[in-house]
Amino acid sequence: MLLPFKCKSGEFQDSTQYHASKFFPYLYKIFCSTKRNSSTTRVLLFLAIPGHLTFVFVISRLATNDTGLSIVLIFLYLITALIQVAILLYIPQWMVIFVWRYERDPYNVCIPYLTVIGDLLDDTLLICVFLLLF
C-alpha cells in the first residue's frame, strides 16, 4: 500500500490509487504477492510465532504452581495469535485509505482503532480457546 504522503489529505497522486481505495484489498495481494509490502507483512505475521513462544516460555518459568502447559493449549494459542496478527495486518490496508479519502490523519485515527480491535480480538479468541479446552 502506497500512502500518498506528498499530497494533501484526501488527495491521491494518481487515479490508480483513487480507484484502489474504493475496494477492499485482496488477501492474496496483501499476504502472497511479490511486492515489498507483502513480504513485510509475511515477516510480521511469522514473527508472531517466536514472539508468542517466548512469551509462553517466560510465563511457564514464572508460574508458581505445578500446572504445566499442554501442547494443545500452546498450539491453539499460536493459532489464535496468527489469526489475530493476520486480521490486524489486513485491516489497516483498507482503513488507512478510507481515512485518507475523508481527509483525516491516518496516524491519529487508525492507531487507536487498531489498538482496540487488537484487544477485542485477543480477548475473544482466548476466551474461545479456553471454552474449547475447559
N, C-alpha and C. Protein backbone atom coordinates (compact mmCIF):
# COMPACT_ATOMS: atom_id res chain seq x y z
N MET A 1 0.84 -1.16 0.00
CA MET A 1 0.00 0.00 0.00
C MET A 1 0.89 1.23 0.00
N LEU A 2 0.64 2.12 -0.91
CA LEU A 2 1.42 3.34 -1.00
C LEU A 2 0.56 4.48 -0.51
N LEU A 3 0.93 5.03 0.61
CA LEU A 3 0.18 6.15 1.16
C LEU A 3 0.74 7.44 0.58
N PRO A 4 -0.09 8.27 -0.03
CA PRO A 4 0.41 9.47 -0.69
C PRO A 4 0.78 10.58 0.29
N PHE A 5 1.97 10.51 0.84
CA PHE A 5 2.41 11.50 1.83
C PHE A 5 2.70 12.86 1.21
N LYS A 6 2.94 12.92 -0.10
CA LYS A 6 3.36 14.16 -0.72
C LYS A 6 2.20 15.06 -1.11
N CYS A 7 0.98 14.63 -0.88
CA CYS A 7 -0.15 15.45 -1.24
C CYS A 7 -1.02 15.70 -0.02
N LYS A 8 -1.98 16.60 -0.20
CA LYS A 8 -2.86 16.95 0.91
C LYS A 8 -3.74 15.77 1.29
N SER A 9 -4.23 15.81 2.51
CA SER A 9 -5.12 14.77 2.99
C SER A 9 -6.37 14.72 2.12
N GLY A 10 -6.74 13.53 1.68
CA GLY A 10 -7.91 13.36 0.83
C GLY A 10 -7.60 13.34 -0.64
N GLU A 11 -6.39 13.70 -1.03
CA GLU A 11 -6.00 13.70 -2.43
C GLU A 11 -5.10 12.50 -2.71
N PHE A 12 -5.19 11.97 -3.91
CA PHE A 12 -4.37 10.84 -4.31
C PHE A 12 -3.44 11.29 -5.43
N GLN A 13 -2.29 10.63 -5.54
CA GLN A 13 -1.30 11.03 -6.54
C GLN A 13 -1.75 10.70 -7.95
N ASP A 14 -2.46 9.61 -8.13
CA ASP A 14 -2.95 9.26 -9.46
C ASP A 14 -4.28 8.54 -9.34
N SER A 15 -4.90 8.28 -10.49
CA SER A 15 -6.22 7.66 -10.48
C SER A 15 -6.18 6.21 -10.03
N THR A 16 -5.03 5.54 -10.16
CA THR A 16 -4.91 4.15 -9.73
C THR A 16 -5.10 4.05 -8.22
N GLN A 17 -4.50 4.95 -7.48
CA GLN A 17 -4.67 4.94 -6.02
C GLN A 17 -6.10 5.25 -5.63
N TYR A 18 -6.73 6.16 -6.36
CA TYR A 18 -8.12 6.50 -6.04
C TYR A 18 -9.04 5.31 -6.26
N HIS A 19 -8.90 4.66 -7.41
CA HIS A 19 -9.76 3.50 -7.70
C HIS A 19 -9.47 2.33 -6.78
N ALA A 20 -8.21 2.17 -6.38
CA ALA A 20 -7.87 1.11 -5.44
C ALA A 20 -8.47 1.38 -4.06
N SER A 21 -8.70 2.65 -3.75
CA SER A 21 -9.25 2.99 -2.44
C SER A 21 -10.74 2.68 -2.33
N LYS A 22 -11.40 2.40 -3.46
CA LYS A 22 -12.83 2.12 -3.42
C LYS A 22 -13.14 0.66 -3.09
N PHE A 23 -12.15 -0.19 -3.15
CA PHE A 23 -12.37 -1.61 -2.94
C PHE A 23 -11.52 -2.11 -1.78
N PHE A 24 -11.98 -3.18 -1.17
CA PHE A 24 -11.17 -3.83 -0.15
C PHE A 24 -10.03 -4.56 -0.84
N PRO A 25 -8.83 -4.50 -0.28
CA PRO A 25 -7.70 -5.20 -0.90
C PRO A 25 -7.87 -6.72 -0.80
N TYR A 26 -7.37 -7.39 -1.81
CA TYR A 26 -7.44 -8.85 -1.83
C TYR A 26 -6.44 -9.42 -0.83
N LEU A 27 -6.82 -10.54 -0.23
CA LEU A 27 -5.91 -11.19 0.71
C LEU A 27 -4.64 -11.65 0.02
N TYR A 28 -4.77 -12.11 -1.23
CA TYR A 28 -3.58 -12.56 -1.96
C TYR A 28 -2.60 -11.41 -2.14
N LYS A 29 -3.10 -10.24 -2.48
CA LYS A 29 -2.24 -9.08 -2.71
C LYS A 29 -1.50 -8.69 -1.43
N ILE A 30 -2.15 -8.84 -0.30
CA ILE A 30 -1.55 -8.42 0.96
C ILE A 30 -0.54 -9.44 1.48
N PHE A 31 -0.88 -10.72 1.39
CA PHE A 31 -0.05 -11.74 2.05
C PHE A 31 0.84 -12.54 1.09
N CYS A 32 0.50 -12.65 -0.18
CA CYS A 32 1.21 -13.61 -1.04
C CYS A 32 1.85 -13.03 -2.29
N SER A 33 1.73 -11.76 -2.56
CA SER A 33 2.32 -11.22 -3.77
C SER A 33 3.83 -11.03 -3.60
N THR A 34 4.49 -10.59 -4.64
CA THR A 34 5.94 -10.40 -4.58
C THR A 34 6.31 -8.95 -4.25
N LYS A 35 5.36 -8.12 -3.95
CA LYS A 35 5.64 -6.72 -3.60
C LYS A 35 6.34 -6.63 -2.25
N ARG A 36 7.02 -5.53 -2.03
CA ARG A 36 7.76 -5.32 -0.80
C ARG A 36 6.85 -5.28 0.42
N ASN A 37 5.69 -4.63 0.31
CA ASN A 37 4.76 -4.58 1.44
C ASN A 37 4.27 -5.97 1.81
N SER A 38 4.09 -6.81 0.81
CA SER A 38 3.63 -8.17 1.08
C SER A 38 4.68 -8.99 1.82
N SER A 39 5.93 -8.83 1.44
CA SER A 39 6.99 -9.57 2.15
C SER A 39 7.14 -9.06 3.59
N THR A 40 6.96 -7.76 3.79
CA THR A 40 6.99 -7.22 5.14
C THR A 40 5.83 -7.77 5.97
N THR A 41 4.68 -7.88 5.35
CA THR A 41 3.51 -8.43 6.04
C THR A 41 3.75 -9.87 6.44
N ARG A 42 4.35 -10.67 5.55
CA ARG A 42 4.65 -12.06 5.89
C ARG A 42 5.65 -12.16 7.03
N VAL A 43 6.66 -11.30 7.01
CA VAL A 43 7.65 -11.31 8.09
C VAL A 43 6.99 -10.98 9.42
N LEU A 44 6.15 -9.95 9.44
CA LEU A 44 5.46 -9.58 10.68
C LEU A 44 4.52 -10.68 11.15
N LEU A 45 3.86 -11.33 10.19
CA LEU A 45 2.95 -12.41 10.55
C LEU A 45 3.69 -13.58 11.19
N PHE A 46 4.80 -13.97 10.62
CA PHE A 46 5.51 -15.13 11.14
C PHE A 46 6.46 -14.81 12.29
N LEU A 47 6.70 -13.54 12.56
CA LEU A 47 7.41 -13.16 13.78
C LEU A 47 6.53 -13.34 15.01
N ALA A 48 5.24 -13.46 14.79
CA ALA A 48 4.33 -13.68 15.92
C ALA A 48 4.59 -15.03 16.57
N ILE A 49 4.99 -16.02 15.79
CA ILE A 49 5.21 -17.36 16.35
C ILE A 49 6.36 -17.37 17.35
N PRO A 50 7.58 -16.95 17.00
CA PRO A 50 8.63 -16.96 18.02
C PRO A 50 8.36 -15.98 19.17
N GLY A 51 7.69 -14.87 18.88
CA GLY A 51 7.37 -13.93 19.95
C GLY A 51 6.42 -14.54 20.97
N HIS A 52 5.40 -15.22 20.50
CA HIS A 52 4.45 -15.83 21.43
C HIS A 52 5.03 -17.07 22.09
N LEU A 53 5.89 -17.80 21.41
CA LEU A 53 6.55 -18.94 22.05
C LEU A 53 7.47 -18.46 23.18
N THR A 54 8.14 -17.34 22.97
CA THR A 54 8.96 -16.75 24.03
C THR A 54 8.08 -16.34 25.22
N PHE A 55 6.94 -15.75 24.92
CA PHE A 55 6.00 -15.36 25.96
C PHE A 55 5.53 -16.58 26.76
N VAL A 56 5.19 -17.66 26.06
CA VAL A 56 4.74 -18.89 26.73
C VAL A 56 5.86 -19.46 27.61
N PHE A 57 7.09 -19.43 27.10
CA PHE A 57 8.21 -19.94 27.88
C PHE A 57 8.42 -19.12 29.15
N VAL A 58 8.38 -17.81 29.03
CA VAL A 58 8.57 -16.94 30.21
C VAL A 58 7.45 -17.17 31.22
N ILE A 59 6.22 -17.26 30.75
CA ILE A 59 5.09 -17.49 31.65
C ILE A 59 5.23 -18.84 32.35
N SER A 60 5.68 -19.87 31.61
CA SER A 60 5.82 -21.19 32.24
C SER A 60 6.92 -21.20 33.28
N ARG A 61 7.97 -20.41 33.09
CA ARG A 61 9.06 -20.35 34.06
C ARG A 61 8.71 -19.50 35.28
N LEU A 62 7.86 -18.52 35.10
CA LEU A 62 7.47 -17.65 36.21
C LEU A 62 6.29 -18.19 37.01
N ALA A 63 5.66 -19.24 36.52
CA ALA A 63 4.49 -19.80 37.21
C ALA A 63 4.92 -20.39 38.54
N THR A 64 4.14 -20.14 39.57
CA THR A 64 4.49 -20.62 40.90
C THR A 64 3.84 -21.96 41.23
N ASN A 65 2.83 -22.35 40.48
CA ASN A 65 2.19 -23.63 40.76
C ASN A 65 2.74 -24.71 39.81
N ASP A 66 2.31 -25.93 40.03
CA ASP A 66 2.84 -27.05 39.26
C ASP A 66 2.01 -27.40 38.04
N THR A 67 1.06 -26.57 37.67
CA THR A 67 0.27 -26.88 36.48
C THR A 67 1.10 -26.57 35.24
N GLY A 68 1.22 -27.57 34.41
CA GLY A 68 2.00 -27.40 33.19
C GLY A 68 1.13 -26.94 32.04
N LEU A 69 1.78 -26.48 31.02
CA LEU A 69 1.06 -26.06 29.82
C LEU A 69 0.98 -27.25 28.87
N SER A 70 -0.21 -27.54 28.40
CA SER A 70 -0.36 -28.66 27.49
C SER A 70 0.03 -28.23 26.07
N ILE A 71 0.37 -29.22 25.28
CA ILE A 71 0.73 -28.96 23.88
C ILE A 71 -0.48 -28.43 23.11
N VAL A 72 -1.66 -28.94 23.43
CA VAL A 72 -2.89 -28.50 22.76
C VAL A 72 -3.15 -27.02 23.06
N LEU A 73 -2.96 -26.62 24.30
CA LEU A 73 -3.16 -25.22 24.66
C LEU A 73 -2.17 -24.32 23.93
N ILE A 74 -0.92 -24.72 23.90
CA ILE A 74 0.10 -23.92 23.21
C ILE A 74 -0.20 -23.84 21.71
N PHE A 75 -0.61 -24.96 21.11
CA PHE A 75 -0.93 -24.98 19.68
C PHE A 75 -2.11 -24.05 19.38
N LEU A 76 -3.18 -24.16 20.16
CA LEU A 76 -4.35 -23.30 19.94
C LEU A 76 -4.03 -21.83 20.21
N TYR A 77 -3.17 -21.59 21.19
CA TYR A 77 -2.74 -20.23 21.48
C TYR A 77 -1.97 -19.63 20.28
N LEU A 78 -1.10 -20.43 19.67
CA LEU A 78 -0.37 -19.94 18.49
C LEU A 78 -1.29 -19.72 17.30
N ILE A 79 -2.27 -20.58 17.13
CA ILE A 79 -3.24 -20.39 16.05
C ILE A 79 -4.03 -19.10 16.26
N THR A 80 -4.48 -18.85 17.47
CA THR A 80 -5.21 -17.61 17.73
C THR A 80 -4.32 -16.39 17.56
N ALA A 81 -3.05 -16.51 17.92
CA ALA A 81 -2.12 -15.39 17.72
C ALA A 81 -1.94 -15.10 16.24
N LEU A 82 -1.82 -16.14 15.42
CA LEU A 82 -1.68 -15.94 13.97
C LEU A 82 -2.94 -15.33 13.37
N ILE A 83 -4.09 -15.78 13.84
CA ILE A 83 -5.35 -15.21 13.34
C ILE A 83 -5.44 -13.73 13.71
N GLN A 84 -5.10 -13.41 14.95
CA GLN A 84 -5.16 -12.02 15.39
C GLN A 84 -4.20 -11.15 14.59
N VAL A 85 -2.98 -11.58 14.42
CA VAL A 85 -1.99 -10.78 13.70
C VAL A 85 -2.39 -10.64 12.23
N ALA A 86 -2.91 -11.70 11.63
CA ALA A 86 -3.33 -11.62 10.23
C ALA A 86 -4.46 -10.61 10.06
N ILE A 87 -5.42 -10.63 10.97
CA ILE A 87 -6.51 -9.65 10.89
C ILE A 87 -5.99 -8.24 11.12
N LEU A 88 -5.09 -8.09 12.09
CA LEU A 88 -4.54 -6.76 12.36
C LEU A 88 -3.61 -6.26 11.26
N LEU A 89 -3.09 -7.14 10.43
CA LEU A 89 -2.31 -6.70 9.28
C LEU A 89 -3.20 -6.42 8.07
N TYR A 90 -4.38 -7.03 8.03
CA TYR A 90 -5.29 -6.81 6.91
C TYR A 90 -6.09 -5.51 7.06
N ILE A 91 -6.58 -5.26 8.25
CA ILE A 91 -7.47 -4.10 8.47
C ILE A 91 -6.83 -2.76 8.09
N PRO A 92 -5.57 -2.49 8.44
CA PRO A 92 -5.02 -1.17 8.08
C PRO A 92 -4.88 -0.95 6.58
N GLN A 93 -4.83 -2.02 5.79
CA GLN A 93 -4.69 -1.87 4.35
C GLN A 93 -5.85 -1.09 3.75
N TRP A 94 -7.04 -1.30 4.25
CA TRP A 94 -8.17 -0.52 3.75
C TRP A 94 -8.54 0.63 4.67
N MET A 95 -8.25 0.51 5.96
CA MET A 95 -8.63 1.57 6.89
C MET A 95 -7.86 2.87 6.61
N VAL A 96 -6.58 2.76 6.33
CA VAL A 96 -5.77 3.96 6.10
C VAL A 96 -6.26 4.70 4.86
N ILE A 97 -6.55 3.96 3.80
CA ILE A 97 -7.03 4.61 2.58
C ILE A 97 -8.42 5.21 2.80
N PHE A 98 -9.27 4.50 3.52
CA PHE A 98 -10.60 5.01 3.83
C PHE A 98 -10.51 6.32 4.62
N VAL A 99 -9.66 6.34 5.62
CA VAL A 99 -9.50 7.54 6.45
C VAL A 99 -8.88 8.67 5.64
N TRP A 100 -7.93 8.33 4.78
CA TRP A 100 -7.27 9.34 3.95
C TRP A 100 -8.26 9.98 2.99
N ARG A 101 -9.18 9.17 2.45
CA ARG A 101 -10.15 9.69 1.50
C ARG A 101 -11.06 10.73 2.15
N TYR A 102 -11.32 10.58 3.44
CA TYR A 102 -12.16 11.53 4.16
C TYR A 102 -11.36 12.60 4.89
N GLU A 103 -10.14 12.83 4.42
CA GLU A 103 -9.27 13.93 4.85
C GLU A 103 -8.97 13.92 6.34
N ARG A 104 -8.71 12.75 6.86
CA ARG A 104 -8.29 12.60 8.25
C ARG A 104 -6.85 12.10 8.27
N ASP A 105 -6.18 12.36 9.37
CA ASP A 105 -4.81 11.89 9.52
C ASP A 105 -4.82 10.42 9.94
N PRO A 106 -4.29 9.51 9.11
CA PRO A 106 -4.33 8.08 9.44
C PRO A 106 -3.62 7.74 10.74
N TYR A 107 -2.57 8.46 11.09
CA TYR A 107 -1.85 8.16 12.33
C TYR A 107 -2.73 8.42 13.55
N ASN A 108 -3.47 9.50 13.53
CA ASN A 108 -4.30 9.85 14.69
C ASN A 108 -5.59 9.07 14.76
N VAL A 109 -6.07 8.57 13.63
CA VAL A 109 -7.36 7.89 13.60
C VAL A 109 -7.21 6.37 13.67
N CYS A 110 -6.30 5.82 12.90
CA CYS A 110 -6.22 4.35 12.76
C CYS A 110 -5.57 3.66 13.95
N ILE A 111 -4.56 4.25 14.53
CA ILE A 111 -3.84 3.58 15.62
C ILE A 111 -4.74 3.30 16.82
N PRO A 112 -5.57 4.25 17.28
CA PRO A 112 -6.46 3.90 18.40
C PRO A 112 -7.46 2.80 18.04
N TYR A 113 -8.01 2.84 16.83
CA TYR A 113 -8.95 1.80 16.41
C TYR A 113 -8.27 0.44 16.35
N LEU A 114 -7.07 0.38 15.80
CA LEU A 114 -6.36 -0.89 15.70
C LEU A 114 -5.99 -1.44 17.08
N THR A 115 -5.68 -0.55 18.01
CA THR A 115 -5.39 -0.99 19.37
C THR A 115 -6.62 -1.63 20.01
N VAL A 116 -7.76 -1.00 19.84
CA VAL A 116 -9.00 -1.54 20.40
C VAL A 116 -9.37 -2.85 19.71
N ILE A 117 -9.26 -2.90 18.40
CA ILE A 117 -9.58 -4.12 17.66
C ILE A 117 -8.65 -5.25 18.09
N GLY A 118 -7.37 -4.95 18.27
CA GLY A 118 -6.42 -5.96 18.72
C GLY A 118 -6.76 -6.49 20.09
N ASP A 119 -7.13 -5.61 21.01
CA ASP A 119 -7.51 -6.05 22.36
C ASP A 119 -8.77 -6.91 22.33
N LEU A 120 -9.77 -6.48 21.56
CA LEU A 120 -11.00 -7.26 21.47
C LEU A 120 -10.77 -8.61 20.82
N LEU A 121 -9.97 -8.65 19.76
CA LEU A 121 -9.66 -9.91 19.10
C LEU A 121 -8.92 -10.85 20.04
N ASP A 122 -7.95 -10.31 20.74
CA ASP A 122 -7.16 -11.12 21.66
C ASP A 122 -8.04 -11.73 22.74
N ASP A 123 -8.86 -10.91 23.36
CA ASP A 123 -9.74 -11.40 24.42
C ASP A 123 -10.74 -12.42 23.89
N THR A 124 -11.35 -12.12 22.75
CA THR A 124 -12.36 -13.01 22.18
C THR A 124 -11.76 -14.35 21.78
N LEU A 125 -10.62 -14.33 21.12
CA LEU A 125 -10.00 -15.58 20.68
C LEU A 125 -9.51 -16.41 21.85
N LEU A 126 -8.96 -15.77 22.87
CA LEU A 126 -8.51 -16.54 24.04
C LEU A 126 -9.69 -17.12 24.82
N ILE A 127 -10.79 -16.39 24.90
CA ILE A 127 -11.99 -16.94 25.54
C ILE A 127 -12.47 -18.17 24.76
N CYS A 128 -12.45 -18.09 23.44
CA CYS A 128 -12.85 -19.25 22.62
C CYS A 128 -11.93 -20.44 22.87
N VAL A 129 -10.63 -20.21 22.99
CA VAL A 129 -9.70 -21.31 23.25
C VAL A 129 -9.99 -21.92 24.61
N PHE A 130 -10.18 -21.11 25.63
CA PHE A 130 -10.44 -21.64 26.96
C PHE A 130 -11.78 -22.36 27.04
N LEU A 131 -12.80 -21.85 26.33
CA LEU A 131 -14.07 -22.56 26.29
C LEU A 131 -13.95 -23.88 25.55
N LEU A 132 -13.12 -23.91 24.55
CA LEU A 132 -12.91 -25.14 23.80
C LEU A 132 -12.19 -26.19 24.63
N LEU A 133 -11.23 -25.75 25.44
CA LEU A 133 -10.43 -26.69 26.21
C LEU A 133 -11.05 -27.10 27.54
N PHE A 134 -11.75 -26.19 28.19
CA PHE A 134 -12.22 -26.48 29.55
C PHE A 134 -13.70 -26.57 29.60
